[in-house]
Amino acid sequence: MGRRFLGATLVVAALVAATLLTSTAATPADAVPLSFRGDAGQVVTVVADSASATTAVLTAWQRTGTGWSRAYGPVSAFVGKDGVGQASESTSHTPAGVWKLTEAFGIQPNNGTRLPYRQVTTSDWWVSDVKSPYYNTHFSCVPGTCPFNEAAGEDLGKAGPVYDHAVVLDYNRAPAVPGAGSAFFLHVSNGKPTAGCVSIPGADLDAVMRWLDPARHPVADISVSG
């Protein structure tokens, strides 16, 4: 491939990528229907049509000098099999509310996110044992040696493509209330409702994760319209 043709191709690709993350024309700043009223500079809204809906619309927003502008989306998302509401270990609700986005992980290498990132293996777990002091935290241990009930935990490295990349939703983490629900993530969709996580197609997740900036204290705002 000639240098001139290669250069033109790279320019076009860069313009396409820039367009994906600066799509603001459809919704003017200060006219965005955000329920969020905190001080975060980035907000990922996940809005379901009803409390029992298993799909939602995900949109990424960034604060500007005059208000809010859309950075990415809207994207169709799956939520919990029981819809959006009060989460717990005994339901498959996606937790309604505003949750910080402070860390990410994945079976695959870092996809370019600026969030603290952990590449996981079959020795990485998310603890859902309500009797464990490690409840709703990440823990590293070889299967069969963990200091908690492994049957009440999730081996992140065994989850398959849905955890190629994921962002942790900081629900019920500081402090963690036993039984109130654990292991809620924004992860890659498999085309089905989840056990309580939010899932979107992998390419969309990669774009959102690259956009997230820990310096802007990003959050997810999960709600039901109306």
Protein backbone atom coordinates (compact mmCIF):
# COMPACT_ATOMS: atom_id res chain seq x y z
CA MET A 1 0.00 0.00 0.00
CA GLY A 2 1.41 3.40 -1.01
CA ARG A 3 2.19 5.99 1.67
CA ARG A 4 -0.27 8.51 0.24
CA PHE A 5 -3.15 6.01 0.25
CA LEU A 6 -2.22 4.79 3.75
CA GLY A 7 -2.16 8.34 5.07
CA ALA A 8 -5.58 9.12 3.62
CA THR A 9 -6.98 5.93 5.13
CA LEU A 10 -5.66 6.85 8.57
CA VAL A 11 -7.15 10.34 8.32
CA VAL A 12 -10.59 8.92 7.44
CA ALA A 13 -10.40 6.42 10.30
CA ALA A 14 -9.48 9.18 12.73
CA LEU A 15 -12.40 11.32 11.58
CA VAL A 16 -14.83 8.41 12.02
CA ALA A 17 -13.56 7.73 15.53
CA ALA A 18 -13.80 11.40 16.46
CA THR A 19 -17.36 11.55 15.18
CA LEU A 20 -18.39 8.59 17.35
CA LEU A 21 -17.25 10.31 20.52
CA THR A 22 -18.40 13.85 19.75
CA SER A 23 -21.97 13.30 18.58
CA THR A 24 -23.54 16.36 20.23
CA ALA A 25 -25.66 17.91 17.52
CA ALA A 26 -28.82 15.94 18.29
CA THR A 27 -29.13 17.24 21.85
CA PRO A 28 -28.03 20.80 22.66
CA ALA A 29 -26.21 21.47 25.93
CA ASP A 30 -28.51 22.45 28.81
CA ALA A 31 -31.42 20.62 27.15
CA VAL A 32 -30.45 17.09 28.20
CA PRO A 33 -33.06 15.23 30.30
CA LEU A 34 -30.60 14.06 32.97
CA SER A 35 -31.88 13.29 36.44
CA PHE A 36 -28.29 13.41 37.68
CA ARG A 37 -27.51 16.45 39.84
CA GLY A 38 -24.09 15.53 41.26
CA ASP A 39 -20.69 17.01 40.46
CA ALA A 40 -19.33 14.28 38.15
CA GLY A 41 -17.94 15.42 34.83
CA GLN A 42 -19.04 12.26 32.99
CA VAL A 43 -22.34 10.40 33.34
CA VAL A 44 -23.44 7.14 31.70
CA THR A 45 -27.23 7.03 31.80
CA VAL A 46 -29.05 3.70 31.60
CA VAL A 47 -32.78 4.27 31.21
CA ALA A 48 -35.41 1.51 31.05
CA ASP A 49 -38.98 2.10 29.87
CA SER A 50 -40.44 0.36 32.93
CA ALA A 51 -39.29 -1.26 36.15
CA SER A 52 -39.85 -4.72 34.65
CA ALA A 53 -38.18 -4.04 31.30
CA THR A 54 -35.13 -6.14 30.50
CA THR A 55 -33.73 -3.67 27.96
CA ALA A 56 -32.66 -0.07 28.36
CA VAL A 57 -30.96 2.78 26.52
CA LEU A 58 -27.39 3.66 27.43
CA THR A 59 -25.97 7.09 26.63
CA ALA A 60 -22.69 8.71 27.68
CA TRP A 61 -22.73 12.42 28.58
CA GLN A 62 -20.00 14.91 29.36
CA ARG A 63 -20.28 18.15 31.30
CA THR A 64 -19.32 21.27 29.36
CA GLY A 65 -19.04 24.91 30.34
CA THR A 66 -22.71 25.46 29.51
CA GLY A 67 -24.32 22.15 30.49
CA TRP A 68 -24.28 18.60 29.16
CA SER A 69 -23.51 17.20 25.73
CA ARG A 70 -23.80 13.69 24.39
CA ALA A 71 -20.46 11.92 23.98
CA TYR A 72 -21.62 8.49 22.83
CA GLY A 73 -24.84 6.67 22.09
CA PRO A 74 -27.65 6.03 22.44
CA VAL A 75 -26.94 2.29 22.58
CA SER A 76 -29.38 -0.54 23.26
CA ALA A 77 -28.51 -2.34 26.48
CA PHE A 78 -29.69 -5.37 28.42
CA VAL A 79 -30.37 -5.14 32.14
CA GLY A 80 -31.42 -7.69 34.76
CA LYS A 81 -33.97 -10.43 34.13
CA ASP A 82 -36.10 -8.86 36.85
CA GLY A 83 -35.72 -5.33 35.48
CA VAL A 84 -34.44 -2.25 37.30
CA GLY A 85 -35.03 -1.67 40.99
CA GLN A 86 -33.79 -2.74 44.42
CA ALA A 87 -30.97 -5.22 44.00
CA SER A 88 -30.26 -8.18 46.27
CA GLU A 89 -28.71 -11.64 46.21
CA SER A 90 -32.18 -13.16 45.78
CA THR A 91 -33.25 -11.16 42.70
CA SER A 92 -31.92 -10.34 39.25
CA HIS A 93 -32.60 -6.60 39.45
CA THR A 94 -30.18 -4.07 38.07
CA PRO A 95 -29.70 -1.58 40.92
CA ALA A 96 -31.43 1.75 40.35
CA GLY A 97 -29.42 4.77 41.43
CA VAL A 98 -26.17 6.59 40.79
CA TRP A 99 -23.01 4.51 41.07
CA LYS A 100 -19.38 5.54 40.69
CA LEU A 101 -17.25 3.97 37.95
CA THR A 102 -13.80 3.63 39.48
CA GLU A 103 -12.21 0.46 38.08
CA ALA A 104 -12.32 -2.01 35.22
CA PHE A 105 -11.22 -5.55 34.43
CA GLY A 106 -11.26 -8.08 31.66
CA ILE A 107 -10.07 -11.44 30.42
CA GLN A 108 -8.49 -9.61 27.49
CA PRO A 109 -5.74 -6.98 27.76
CA ASN A 110 -6.62 -3.36 28.49
CA ASN A 111 -8.72 -1.97 25.63
CA GLY A 112 -7.42 1.55 26.16
CA THR A 113 -9.44 2.59 29.19
CA ARG A 114 -7.88 5.08 31.60
CA LEU A 115 -9.64 3.50 34.56
CA PRO A 116 -7.46 1.29 36.77
CA TYR A 117 -7.53 -2.01 34.89
CA ARG A 118 -6.97 -5.62 36.00
CA GLN A 119 -6.53 -8.43 33.48
CA VAL A 120 -8.19 -11.41 35.13
CA THR A 121 -7.55 -15.16 35.12
CA THR A 122 -9.31 -18.14 36.66
CA SER A 123 -7.72 -17.12 39.98
CA ASP A 124 -9.69 -13.86 40.07
CA TRP A 125 -13.05 -13.89 41.85
CA TRP A 126 -15.87 -11.55 42.77
CA VAL A 127 -17.10 -12.67 46.18
CA SER A 128 -20.87 -13.13 46.68
CA ASP A 129 -20.67 -15.21 49.86
CA VAL A 130 -22.80 -13.19 52.30
CA LYS A 131 -20.94 -14.73 55.26
CA SER A 132 -17.53 -13.67 53.99
CA PRO A 133 -15.71 -10.50 55.10
CA TYR A 134 -14.71 -10.17 51.44
CA TYR A 135 -18.34 -9.90 50.28
CA ASN A 136 -18.73 -7.82 47.10
CA THR A 137 -15.00 -7.41 46.55
CA HIS A 138 -12.41 -8.78 44.16
CA PHE A 139 -10.25 -11.55 45.58
CA SER A 140 -7.36 -13.52 44.07
CA CYS A 141 -7.01 -17.21 44.94
CA VAL A 142 -6.50 -20.52 43.16
CA PRO A 143 -9.79 -22.40 42.76
CA GLY A 144 -10.24 -24.83 45.63
CA THR A 145 -8.17 -22.72 48.05
CA CYS A 146 -10.32 -19.62 48.53
CA PRO A 147 -11.31 -18.43 52.04
CA PHE A 148 -14.97 -18.14 51.08
CA ASN A 149 -17.71 -20.30 49.58
CA GLU A 150 -16.61 -20.53 45.97
CA ALA A 151 -20.10 -21.67 44.94
CA ALA A 152 -21.30 -18.26 46.13
CA GLY A 153 -18.74 -16.38 44.09
CA GLU A 154 -17.97 -15.66 40.46
CA ASP A 155 -14.77 -16.86 38.85
CA LEU A 156 -14.18 -13.92 36.52
CA GLY A 157 -11.75 -15.78 34.30
CA LYS A 158 -14.29 -18.50 33.53
CA ALA A 159 -17.10 -16.18 32.45
CA GLY A 160 -16.13 -16.17 28.77
CA PRO A 161 -16.54 -13.33 26.24
CA VAL A 162 -19.02 -11.37 28.37
CA TYR A 163 -16.08 -10.45 30.60
CA ASP A 164 -13.62 -9.74 27.83
CA HIS A 165 -13.92 -6.22 29.24
CA ALA A 166 -16.03 -4.81 32.06
CA VAL A 167 -16.45 -1.77 34.31
CA VAL A 168 -17.36 -2.24 37.96
CA LEU A 169 -20.51 -0.48 39.18
CA ASP A 170 -19.74 0.73 42.71
CA TYR A 171 -23.05 -0.48 44.12
CA ASN A 172 -23.06 -1.74 47.74
CA ARG A 173 -19.31 -1.43 48.16
CA ALA A 174 -18.56 1.14 50.88
CA PRO A 175 -19.57 -0.48 53.10
CA ALA A 176 -20.90 -3.69 51.59
CA VAL A 177 -24.16 -4.81 53.18
CA PRO A 178 -24.41 -8.63 53.16
CA GLY A 179 -27.28 -9.78 50.98
CA ALA A 180 -27.90 -6.41 49.34
CA GLY A 181 -26.35 -7.62 46.08
CA SER A 182 -22.90 -8.05 44.59
CA ALA A 183 -20.96 -8.27 41.35
CA PHE A 184 -22.66 -5.60 39.25
CA PHE A 185 -20.78 -4.64 36.11
CA LEU A 186 -21.10 -2.94 32.74
CA HIS A 187 -19.91 -5.69 30.42
CA VAL A 188 -20.11 -7.21 26.94
CA SER A 189 -23.58 -8.35 25.88
CA ASN A 190 -24.42 -11.92 24.92
CA GLY A 191 -27.79 -10.82 23.53
CA LYS A 192 -29.78 -11.77 26.64
CA PRO A 193 -30.95 -10.12 29.88
CA THR A 194 -28.45 -10.37 32.72
CA ALA A 195 -28.42 -11.43 36.36
CA GLY A 196 -28.37 -7.72 37.25
CA CYS A 197 -25.52 -6.23 35.25
CA VAL A 198 -25.78 -3.82 32.30
CA SER A 199 -24.50 -5.20 29.00
CA ILE A 200 -23.87 -3.64 25.60
CA PRO A 201 -22.11 -4.80 22.40
CA GLY A 202 -18.35 -5.15 22.73
CA ALA A 203 -17.43 -2.40 20.26
CA ASP A 204 -19.68 0.07 22.08
CA LEU A 205 -18.25 -0.94 25.44
CA ASP A 206 -14.70 -0.43 24.15
CA ALA A 207 -15.58 3.07 22.98
CA VAL A 208 -17.23 4.02 26.28
CA MET A 209 -14.36 2.59 28.31
CA ARG A 210 -11.81 4.57 26.31
CA TRP A 211 -13.86 7.71 26.88
CA LEU A 212 -14.14 7.29 30.65
CA ASP A 213 -11.73 9.55 32.49
CA PRO A 214 -11.13 8.92 36.21
CA ALA A 215 -10.13 12.56 36.61
CA ARG A 216 -13.73 13.50 35.76
CA HIS A 217 -15.19 11.14 38.40
CA PRO A 218 -17.54 9.22 36.07
CA VAL A 219 -20.77 7.67 37.32
CA ALA A 220 -23.56 5.48 36.00
CA ASP A 221 -27.10 6.78 36.54
CA ILE A 222 -29.53 3.84 36.25
CA SER A 223 -33.23 4.67 36.23
CA VAL A 224 -36.70 4.04 34.85
CA SER A 225 -38.26 6.67 32.57
CA GLY A 226 -41.36 8.47 33.75
